[in-house]
Amino acid sequence: MVRPRLYRRIRFNPDITYFKPQGVPIRFLEMVELTTEEVEALRLKNIKDLDQIECAKRMKTSQSTFQRILSSAYKKVAEALIEGKAIRITRNF
């Protein structure tokens, strides 16, 4: 039996959910999907400039789980920027 997924606290709901390289139609681009959980981790760490412990508390998760979420987000954003892919933000639920 699979352990049920815990939902983290997300206090940011982005209005814009797609980003893509300029001048290339979206139908020609590969897509990288960021979850709202990953966007929230990026926001807390990089925009709010909080330390990892405070970020984890605000998302109601452990510090190690927060680090995994943040690492996944960094990897996806880097892949999109370097390989010219579009980014789509999706809800976790």
PDB file of N, CA and C in Angstrom:
ATOM      1  N   MET A   1       0.843  -1.185   0.000  1.00  0.00           N
ATOM      2  CA  MET A   1       0.000   0.000   0.000  1.00  0.00           C
ATOM      3  C   MET A   1       0.886   1.245   0.000  1.00  0.00           C
ATOM      4  N   VAL A   2       0.569   2.184  -0.839  1.00  0.00           N
ATOM      5  CA  VAL A   2       1.351   3.400  -0.994  1.00  0.00           C
ATOM      6  C   VAL A   2       0.961   4.407   0.093  1.00  0.00           C
ATOM      7  N   ARG A   3       1.970   5.069   0.623  1.00  0.00           N
ATOM      8  CA  ARG A   3       1.725   6.083   1.641  1.00  0.00           C
ATOM      9  C   ARG A   3       1.026   7.276   1.003  1.00  0.00           C
ATOM     10  N   PRO A   4      -0.030   7.816   1.640  1.00  0.00           N
ATOM     11  CA  PRO A   4      -0.731   8.958   1.051  1.00  0.00           C
ATOM     12  C   PRO A   4       0.159  10.197   0.997  1.00  0.00           C
ATOM     13  N   ARG A   5      -0.017  10.978  -0.039  1.00  0.00           N
ATOM     14  CA  ARG A   5       0.773  12.180  -0.230  1.00  0.00           C
ATOM     15  C   ARG A   5       0.307  13.268   0.731  1.00  0.00           C
ATOM     16  N   LEU A   6       1.267  13.900   1.394  1.00  0.00           N
ATOM     17  CA  LEU A   6       0.950  15.013   2.278  1.00  0.00           C
ATOM     18  C   LEU A   6       0.905  16.291   1.472  1.00  0.00           C
ATOM     19  N   TYR A   7      -0.058  17.131   1.765  1.00  0.00           N
ATOM     20  CA  TYR A   7      -0.166  18.403   1.075  1.00  0.00           C
ATOM     21  C   TYR A   7       0.522  19.481   1.889  1.00  0.00           C
ATOM     22  N   ARG A   8       1.411  20.203   1.236  1.00  0.00           N
ATOM     23  CA  ARG A   8       2.143  21.267   1.902  1.00  0.00           C
ATOM     24  C   ARG A   8       1.359  22.565   1.824  1.00  0.00           C
ATOM     25  N   ARG A   9       1.668  23.460   2.717  1.00  0.00           N
ATOM     26  CA  ARG A   9       1.008  24.760   2.714  1.00  0.00           C
ATOM     27  C   ARG A   9       1.605  25.615   1.606  1.00  0.00           C
ATOM     28  N   ILE A  10       0.747  26.088   0.734  1.00  0.00           N
ATOM     29  CA  ILE A  10       1.164  26.949  -0.369  1.00  0.00           C
ATOM     30  C   ILE A  10       0.358  28.229  -0.276  1.00  0.00           C
ATOM     31  N   ARG A  11       1.049  29.340  -0.107  1.00  0.00           N
ATOM     32  CA  ARG A  11       0.373  30.629   0.065  1.00  0.00           C
ATOM     33  C   ARG A  11       0.499  31.517  -1.165  1.00  0.00           C
ATOM     34  N   PHE A  12       0.884  30.937  -2.268  1.00  0.00           N
ATOM     35  CA  PHE A  12       1.072  31.711  -3.482  1.00  0.00           C
ATOM     36  C   PHE A  12       0.424  30.968  -4.630  1.00  0.00           C
ATOM     37  N   ASN A  13      -0.462  31.633  -5.312  1.00  0.00           N
ATOM     38  CA  ASN A  13      -1.125  31.046  -6.462  1.00  0.00           C
ATOM     39  C   ASN A  13      -0.789  31.911  -7.675  1.00  0.00           C
ATOM     40  N   PRO A  14       0.114  31.457  -8.543  1.00  0.00           N
ATOM     41  CA  PRO A  14       0.546  32.294  -9.657  1.00  0.00           C
ATOM     42  C   PRO A  14      -0.570  32.548 -10.672  1.00  0.00           C
ATOM     43  N   ASP A  15      -0.660  33.789 -11.133  1.00  0.00           N
ATOM     44  CA  ASP A  15      -1.633  34.135 -12.168  1.00  0.00           C
ATOM     45  C   ASP A  15      -1.141  33.685 -13.544  1.00  0.00           C
ATOM     46  N   ILE A  16       0.163  33.720 -13.728  1.00  0.00           N
ATOM     47  CA  ILE A  16       0.766  33.325 -14.996  1.00  0.00           C
ATOM     48  C   ILE A  16       1.301  31.908 -14.833  1.00  0.00           C
ATOM     49  N   THR A  17       0.887  31.013 -15.714  1.00  0.00           N
ATOM     50  CA  THR A  17       1.269  29.614 -15.552  1.00  0.00           C
ATOM     51  C   THR A  17       2.126  29.073 -16.689  1.00  0.00           C
ATOM     52  N   TYR A  18       2.457  29.903 -17.667  1.00  0.00           N
ATOM     53  CA  TYR A  18       3.323  29.482 -18.769  1.00  0.00           C
ATOM     54  C   TYR A  18       4.438  30.496 -18.986  1.00  0.00           C
ATOM     55  N   PHE A  19       5.626  29.991 -19.243  1.00  0.00           N
ATOM     56  CA  PHE A  19       6.766  30.802 -19.652  1.00  0.00           C
ATOM     57  C   PHE A  19       7.426  30.069 -20.810  1.00  0.00           C
ATOM     58  N   LYS A  20       7.841  30.831 -21.813  1.00  0.00           N
ATOM     59  CA  LYS A  20       8.464  30.189 -22.969  1.00  0.00           C
ATOM     60  C   LYS A  20       9.485  31.125 -23.583  1.00  0.00           C
ATOM     61  N   PRO A  21      10.418  30.564 -24.358  1.00  0.00           N
ATOM     62  CA  PRO A  21      11.380  31.406 -25.063  1.00  0.00           C
ATOM     63  C   PRO A  21      10.655  32.301 -26.076  1.00  0.00           C
ATOM     64  N   GLN A  22      11.123  33.510 -26.210  1.00  0.00           N
ATOM     65  CA  GLN A  22      10.522  34.465 -27.128  1.00  0.00           C
ATOM     66  C   GLN A  22      10.760  34.047 -28.575  1.00  0.00           C
ATOM     67  N   GLY A  23       9.747  34.234 -29.397  1.00  0.00           N
ATOM     68  CA  GLY A  23       9.901  34.013 -30.829  1.00  0.00           C
ATOM     69  C   GLY A  23       9.715  32.583 -31.304  1.00  0.00           C
ATOM     70  N   VAL A  24       9.426  31.667 -30.412  1.00  0.00           N
ATOM     71  CA  VAL A  24       9.217  30.270 -30.800  1.00  0.00           C
ATOM     72  C   VAL A  24       7.782  29.886 -30.419  1.00  0.00           C
ATOM     73  N   PRO A  25       6.986  29.445 -31.394  1.00  0.00           N
ATOM     74  CA  PRO A  25       5.617  29.020 -31.054  1.00  0.00           C
ATOM     75  C   PRO A  25       5.640  27.862 -30.056  1.00  0.00           C
ATOM     76  N   ILE A  26       4.705  27.895 -29.129  1.00  0.00           N
ATOM     77  CA  ILE A  26       4.689  26.905 -28.051  1.00  0.00           C
ATOM     78  C   ILE A  26       4.520  25.489 -28.580  1.00  0.00           C
ATOM     79  N   ARG A  27       3.892  25.327 -29.718  1.00  0.00           N
ATOM     80  CA  ARG A  27       3.692  23.974 -30.259  1.00  0.00           C
ATOM     81  C   ARG A  27       5.003  23.313 -30.675  1.00  0.00           C
ATOM     82  N   PHE A  28       6.060  24.103 -30.849  1.00  0.00           N
ATOM     83  CA  PHE A  28       7.358  23.556 -31.222  1.00  0.00           C
ATOM     84  C   PHE A  28       8.268  23.300 -30.023  1.00  0.00           C
ATOM     85  N   LEU A  29       7.792  23.620 -28.836  1.00  0.00           N
ATOM     86  CA  LEU A  29       8.633  23.526 -27.644  1.00  0.00           C
ATOM     87  C   LEU A  29       8.291  22.311 -26.794  1.00  0.00           C
ATOM     88  N   GLU A  30       9.325  21.750 -26.181  1.00  0.00           N
ATOM     89  CA  GLU A  30       9.098  20.751 -25.141  1.00  0.00           C
ATOM     90  C   GLU A  30       8.691  21.490 -23.871  1.00  0.00           C
ATOM     91  N   MET A  31       7.989  20.797 -23.000  1.00  0.00           N
ATOM     92  CA  MET A  31       7.453  21.420 -21.797  1.00  0.00           C
ATOM     93  C   MET A  31       8.111  20.841 -20.546  1.00  0.00           C
ATOM     94  N   VAL A  32       8.435  21.712 -19.607  1.00  0.00           N
ATOM     95  CA  VAL A  32       8.891  21.311 -18.282  1.00  0.00           C
ATOM     96  C   VAL A  32       7.785  21.733 -17.318  1.00  0.00           C
ATOM     97  N   GLU A  33       7.338  20.818 -16.464  1.00  0.00           N
ATOM     98  CA  GLU A  33       6.251  21.131 -15.541  1.00  0.00           C
ATOM     99  C   GLU A  33       6.775  21.366 -14.131  1.00  0.00           C
ATOM    100  N   LEU A  34       6.498  22.556 -13.612  1.00  0.00           N
ATOM    101  CA  LEU A  34       6.800  22.898 -12.223  1.00  0.00           C
ATOM    102  C   LEU A  34       5.501  22.816 -11.442  1.00  0.00           C
ATOM    103  N   THR A  35       5.537  22.193 -10.282  1.00  0.00           N
ATOM    104  CA  THR A  35       4.338  22.156  -9.448  1.00  0.00           C
ATOM    105  C   THR A  35       4.253  23.445  -8.637  1.00  0.00           C
ATOM    106  N   THR A  36       3.061  23.751  -8.141  1.00  0.00           N
ATOM    107  CA  THR A  36       2.914  24.939  -7.293  1.00  0.00           C
ATOM    108  C   THR A  36       3.752  24.791  -6.029  1.00  0.00           C
ATOM    109  N   GLU A  37       3.956  23.575  -5.597  1.00  0.00           N
ATOM    110  CA  GLU A  37       4.821  23.290  -4.443  1.00  0.00           C
ATOM    111  C   GLU A  37       6.261  23.734  -4.729  1.00  0.00           C
ATOM    112  N   GLU A  38       6.746  23.435  -5.917  1.00  0.00           N
ATOM    113  CA  GLU A  38       8.101  23.834  -6.305  1.00  0.00           C
ATOM    114  C   GLU A  38       8.207  25.351  -6.467  1.00  0.00           C
ATOM    115  N   VAL A  39       7.175  25.963  -7.030  1.00  0.00           N
ATOM    116  CA  VAL A  39       7.170  27.424  -7.188  1.00  0.00           C
ATOM    117  C   VAL A  39       7.166  28.094  -5.820  1.00  0.00           C
ATOM    118  N   GLU A  40       6.406  27.559  -4.887  1.00  0.00           N
ATOM    119  CA  GLU A  40       6.377  28.115  -3.530  1.00  0.00           C
ATOM    120  C   GLU A  40       7.743  27.995  -2.863  1.00  0.00           C
ATOM    121  N   ALA A  41       8.415  26.877  -3.052  1.00  0.00           N
ATOM    122  CA  ALA A  41       9.755  26.699  -2.484  1.00  0.00           C
ATOM    123  C   ALA A  41      10.730  27.719  -3.074  1.00  0.00           C
ATOM    124  N   LEU A  42      10.671  27.934  -4.378  1.00  0.00           N
ATOM    125  CA  LEU A  42      11.519  28.946  -5.023  1.00  0.00           C
ATOM    126  C   LEU A  42      11.208  30.341  -4.488  1.00  0.00           C
ATOM    127  N   ARG A  43       9.924  30.639  -4.330  1.00  0.00           N
ATOM    128  CA  ARG A  43       9.501  31.952  -3.842  1.00  0.00           C
ATOM    129  C   ARG A  43      10.008  32.216  -2.431  1.00  0.00           C
ATOM    130  N   LEU A  44       9.821  31.251  -1.544  1.00  0.00           N
ATOM    131  CA  LEU A  44      10.243  31.438  -0.158  1.00  0.00           C
ATOM    132  C   LEU A  44      11.756  31.579  -0.039  1.00  0.00           C
ATOM    133  N   LYS A  45      12.481  30.742  -0.757  1.00  0.00           N
ATOM    134  CA  LYS A  45      13.943  30.741  -0.640  1.00  0.00           C
ATOM    135  C   LYS A  45      14.589  31.922  -1.359  1.00  0.00           C
ATOM    136  N   ASN A  46      14.140  32.239  -2.558  1.00  0.00           N
ATOM    137  CA  ASN A  46      14.824  33.235  -3.377  1.00  0.00           C
ATOM    138  C   ASN A  46      14.194  34.622  -3.354  1.00  0.00           C
ATOM    139  N   ILE A  47      12.890  34.714  -3.269  1.00  0.00           N
ATOM    140  CA  ILE A  47      12.222  36.021  -3.262  1.00  0.00           C
ATOM    141  C   ILE A  47      12.102  36.549  -1.835  1.00  0.00           C
ATOM    142  N   LYS A  48      11.608  35.703  -0.950  1.00  0.00           N
ATOM    143  CA  LYS A  48      11.470  36.109   0.463  1.00  0.00           C
ATOM    144  C   LYS A  48      12.797  36.053   1.207  1.00  0.00           C
ATOM    145  N   ASP A  49      13.795  35.391   0.627  1.00  0.00           N
ATOM    146  CA  ASP A  49      15.149  35.289   1.181  1.00  0.00           C
ATOM    147  C   ASP A  49      15.170  34.702   2.596  1.00  0.00           C
ATOM    148  N   LEU A  50      14.374  33.636   2.789  1.00  0.00           N
ATOM    149  CA  LEU A  50      14.320  32.957   4.078  1.00  0.00           C
ATOM    150  C   LEU A  50      15.327  31.818   4.102  1.00  0.00           C
ATOM    151  N   ASP A  51      15.764  31.442   5.294  1.00  0.00           N
ATOM    152  CA  ASP A  51      16.640  30.279   5.372  1.00  0.00           C
ATOM    153  C   ASP A  51      15.802  29.012   5.230  1.00  0.00           C
ATOM    154  N   GLN A  52      16.467  27.915   4.975  1.00  0.00           N
ATOM    155  CA  GLN A  52      15.791  26.671   4.656  1.00  0.00           C
ATOM    156  C   GLN A  52      14.899  26.175   5.793  1.00  0.00           C
ATOM    157  N   ILE A  53      15.313  26.373   7.005  1.00  0.00           N
ATOM    158  CA  ILE A  53      14.523  25.923   8.162  1.00  0.00           C
ATOM    159  C   ILE A  53      13.200  26.677   8.222  1.00  0.00           C
ATOM    160  N   GLU A  54      13.252  27.995   8.029  1.00  0.00           N
ATOM    161  CA  GLU A  54      12.034  28.810   8.056  1.00  0.00           C
ATOM    162  C   GLU A  54      11.134  28.473   6.873  1.00  0.00           C
ATOM    163  N   CYS A  55      11.720  28.242   5.720  1.00  0.00           N
ATOM    164  CA  CYS A  55      10.932  27.850   4.541  1.00  0.00           C
ATOM    165  C   CYS A  55      10.174  26.548   4.806  1.00  0.00           C
ATOM    166  N   ALA A  56      10.864  25.570   5.368  1.00  0.00           N
ATOM    167  CA  ALA A  56      10.246  24.279   5.663  1.00  0.00           C
ATOM    168  C   ALA A  56       9.103  24.438   6.662  1.00  0.00           C
ATOM    169  N   LYS A  57       9.291  25.277   7.669  1.00  0.00           N
ATOM    170  CA  LYS A  57       8.228  25.525   8.647  1.00  0.00           C
ATOM    171  C   LYS A  57       7.011  26.142   7.978  1.00  0.00           C
ATOM    172  N   ARG A  58       7.248  27.116   7.109  1.00  0.00           N
ATOM    173  CA  ARG A  58       6.127  27.792   6.450  1.00  0.00           C
ATOM    174  C   ARG A  58       5.370  26.867   5.514  1.00  0.00           C
ATOM    175  N   MET A  59       6.064  25.891   4.930  1.00  0.00           N
ATOM    176  CA  MET A  59       5.392  24.938   4.053  1.00  0.00           C
ATOM    177  C   MET A  59       4.870  23.722   4.819  1.00  0.00           C
ATOM    178  N   LYS A  60       5.106  23.700   6.125  1.00  0.00           N
ATOM    179  CA  LYS A  60       4.678  22.590   6.993  1.00  0.00           C
ATOM    180  C   LYS A  60       5.220  21.255   6.495  1.00  0.00           C
ATOM    181  N   THR A  61       6.532  21.225   6.289  1.00  0.00           N
ATOM    182  CA  THR A  61       7.204  20.012   5.851  1.00  0.00           C
ATOM    183  C   THR A  61       8.554  19.934   6.545  1.00  0.00           C
ATOM    184  N   SER A  62       9.221  18.823   6.394  1.00  0.00           N
ATOM    185  CA  SER A  62      10.542  18.686   7.005  1.00  0.00           C
ATOM    186  C   SER A  62      11.574  19.434   6.162  1.00  0.00           C
ATOM    187  N   GLN A  63      12.701  19.710   6.774  1.00  0.00           N
ATOM    188  CA  GLN A  63      13.762  20.422   6.074  1.00  0.00           C
ATOM    189  C   GLN A  63      14.305  19.589   4.909  1.00  0.00           C
ATOM    190  N   SER A  64      14.423  18.299   5.107  1.00  0.00           N
ATOM    191  CA  SER A  64      14.942  17.444   4.028  1.00  0.00           C
ATOM    192  C   SER A  64      13.954  17.373   2.859  1.00  0.00           C
ATOM    193  N   THR A  65      12.666  17.329   3.149  1.00  0.00           N
ATOM    194  CA  THR A  65      11.664  17.326   2.084  1.00  0.00           C
ATOM    195  C   THR A  65      11.683  18.657   1.349  1.00  0.00           C
ATOM    196  N   PHE A  66      11.805  19.751   2.092  1.00  0.00           N
ATOM    197  CA  PHE A  66      11.895  21.060   1.451  1.00  0.00           C
ATOM    198  C   PHE A  66      13.096  21.101   0.510  1.00  0.00           C
ATOM    199  N   GLN A  67      14.228  20.571   0.939  1.00  0.00           N
ATOM    200  CA  GLN A  67      15.434  20.561   0.102  1.00  0.00           C
ATOM    201  C   GLN A  67      15.215  19.754  -1.172  1.00  0.00           C
ATOM    202  N   ARG A  68      14.520  18.630  -1.075  1.00  0.00           N
ATOM    203  CA  ARG A  68      14.230  17.827  -2.270  1.00  0.00           C
ATOM    204  C   ARG A  68      13.323  18.592  -3.237  1.00  0.00           C
ATOM    205  N   ILE A  69      12.320  19.272  -2.698  1.00  0.00           N
ATOM    206  CA  ILE A  69      11.414  20.064  -3.535  1.00  0.00           C
ATOM    207  C   ILE A  69      12.184  21.181  -4.231  1.00  0.00           C
ATOM    208  N   LEU A  70      13.028  21.889  -3.478  1.00  0.00           N
ATOM    209  CA  LEU A  70      13.802  22.998  -4.017  1.00  0.00           C
ATOM    210  C   LEU A  70      14.797  22.509  -5.073  1.00  0.00           C
ATOM    211  N   SER A  71      15.466  21.417  -4.823  1.00  0.00           N
ATOM    212  CA  SER A  71      16.420  20.862  -5.793  1.00  0.00           C
ATOM    213  C   SER A  71      15.723  20.474  -7.088  1.00  0.00           C
ATOM    214  N   SER A  72      14.548  19.884  -6.967  1.00  0.00           N
ATOM    215  CA  SER A  72      13.778  19.509  -8.147  1.00  0.00           C
ATOM    216  C   SER A  72      13.395  20.751  -8.952  1.00  0.00           C
ATOM    217  N   ALA A  73      12.981  21.809  -8.262  1.00  0.00           N
ATOM    218  CA  ALA A  73      12.605  23.053  -8.937  1.00  0.00           C
ATOM    219  C   ALA A  73      13.800  23.672  -9.653  1.00  0.00           C
ATOM    220  N   TYR A  74      14.946  23.734  -8.981  1.00  0.00           N
ATOM    221  CA  TYR A  74      16.151  24.296  -9.601  1.00  0.00           C
ATOM    222  C   TYR A  74      16.529  23.517 -10.860  1.00  0.00           C
ATOM    223  N   LYS A  75      16.461  22.198 -10.781  1.00  0.00           N
ATOM    224  CA  LYS A  75      16.831  21.356 -11.918  1.00  0.00           C
ATOM    225  C   LYS A  75      15.905  21.612 -13.105  1.00  0.00           C
ATOM    226  N   LYS A  76      14.607  21.710 -12.846  1.00  0.00           N
ATOM    227  CA  LYS A  76      13.647  21.934 -13.919  1.00  0.00           C
ATOM    228  C   LYS A  76      13.813  23.310 -14.554  1.00  0.00           C
ATOM    229  N   VAL A  77      14.017  24.339 -13.742  1.00  0.00           N
ATOM    230  CA  VAL A  77      14.200  25.694 -14.271  1.00  0.00           C
ATOM    231  C   VAL A  77      15.492  25.770 -15.087  1.00  0.00           C
ATOM    232  N   ALA A  78      16.563  25.182 -14.584  1.00  0.00           N
ATOM    233  CA  ALA A  78      17.829  25.179 -15.313  1.00  0.00           C
ATOM    234  C   ALA A  78      17.685  24.447 -16.648  1.00  0.00           C
ATOM    235  N   GLU A  79      17.014  23.331 -16.643  1.00  0.00           N
ATOM    236  CA  GLU A  79      16.794  22.570 -17.878  1.00  0.00           C
ATOM    237  C   GLU A  79      16.030  23.410 -18.902  1.00  0.00           C
ATOM    238  N   ALA A  80      14.983  24.094 -18.449  1.00  0.00           N
ATOM    239  CA  ALA A  80      14.182  24.923 -19.355  1.00  0.00           C
ATOM    240  C   ALA A  80      15.006  26.075 -19.927  1.00  0.00           C
ATOM    241  N   LEU A  81      15.793  26.733 -19.094  1.00  0.00           N
ATOM    242  CA  LEU A  81      16.586  27.868 -19.560  1.00  0.00           C
ATOM    243  C   LEU A  81      17.698  27.438 -20.508  1.00  0.00           C
ATOM    244  N   ILE A  82      18.393  26.389 -20.170  1.00  0.00           N
ATOM    245  CA  ILE A  82      19.548  25.966 -20.961  1.00  0.00           C
ATOM    246  C   ILE A  82      19.135  25.277 -22.263  1.00  0.00           C
ATOM    247  N   GLU A  83      18.074  24.478 -22.206  1.00  0.00           N
ATOM    248  CA  GLU A  83      17.658  23.724 -23.385  1.00  0.00           C
ATOM    249  C   GLU A  83      16.530  24.395 -24.162  1.00  0.00           C
ATOM    250  N   GLY A  84      16.124  25.599 -23.758  1.00  0.00           N
ATOM    251  CA  GLY A  84      15.102  26.338 -24.487  1.00  0.00           C
ATOM    252  C   GLY A  84      13.725  25.711 -24.443  1.00  0.00           C
ATOM    253  N   LYS A  85      13.335  25.206 -23.287  1.00  0.00           N
ATOM    254  CA  LYS A  85      12.024  24.583 -23.134  1.00  0.00           C
ATOM    255  C   LYS A  85      11.052  25.560 -22.476  1.00  0.00           C
ATOM    256  N   ALA A  86       9.768  25.304 -22.659  1.00  0.00           N
ATOM    257  CA  ALA A  86       8.733  26.100 -21.993  1.00  0.00           C
ATOM    258  C   ALA A  86       8.525  25.567 -20.578  1.00  0.00           C
ATOM    259  N   ILE A  87       8.053  26.430 -19.693  1.00  0.00           N
ATOM    260  CA  ILE A  87       7.745  26.039 -18.320  1.00  0.00           C
ATOM    261  C   ILE A  87       6.247  26.191 -18.111  1.00  0.00           C
ATOM    262  N   ARG A  88       5.632  25.140 -17.583  1.00  0.00           N
ATOM    263  CA  ARG A  88       4.222  25.195 -17.220  1.00  0.00           C
ATOM    264  C   ARG A  88       4.096  24.933 -15.729  1.00  0.00           C
ATOM    265  N   ILE A  89       3.345  25.773 -15.046  1.00  0.00           N
ATOM    266  CA  ILE A  89       3.115  25.596 -13.613  1.00  0.00           C
ATOM    267  C   ILE A  89       1.785  24.882 -13.441  1.00  0.00           C
ATOM    268  N   THR A  90       1.845  23.748 -12.723  1.00  0.00           N
ATOM    269  CA  THR A  90       0.640  22.935 -12.524  1.00  0.00           C
ATOM    270  C   THR A  90       0.317  22.821 -11.049  1.00  0.00           C
ATOM    271  N   ARG A  91      -0.921  22.604 -10.752  1.00  0.00           N
ATOM    272  CA  ARG A  91      -1.346  22.376  -9.366  1.00  0.00           C
ATOM    273  C   ARG A  91      -1.015  20.951  -8.956  1.00  0.00           C
ATOM    274  N   ASN A  92      -0.769  20.755  -7.663  1.00  0.00           N
ATOM    275  CA  ASN A  92      -0.395  19.443  -7.151  1.00  0.00           C
ATOM    276  C   ASN A  92      -1.581  18.507  -7.007  1.00  0.00           C
ATOM    277  N   PHE A  93      -2.760  19.028  -6.899  1.00  0.00           N
ATOM    278  CA  PHE A  93      -3.931  18.189  -6.593  1.00  0.00           C
ATOM    279  C   PHE A  93      -4.865  18.066  -7.742  1.00  0.00           C
TER     280      PHE A  93
END
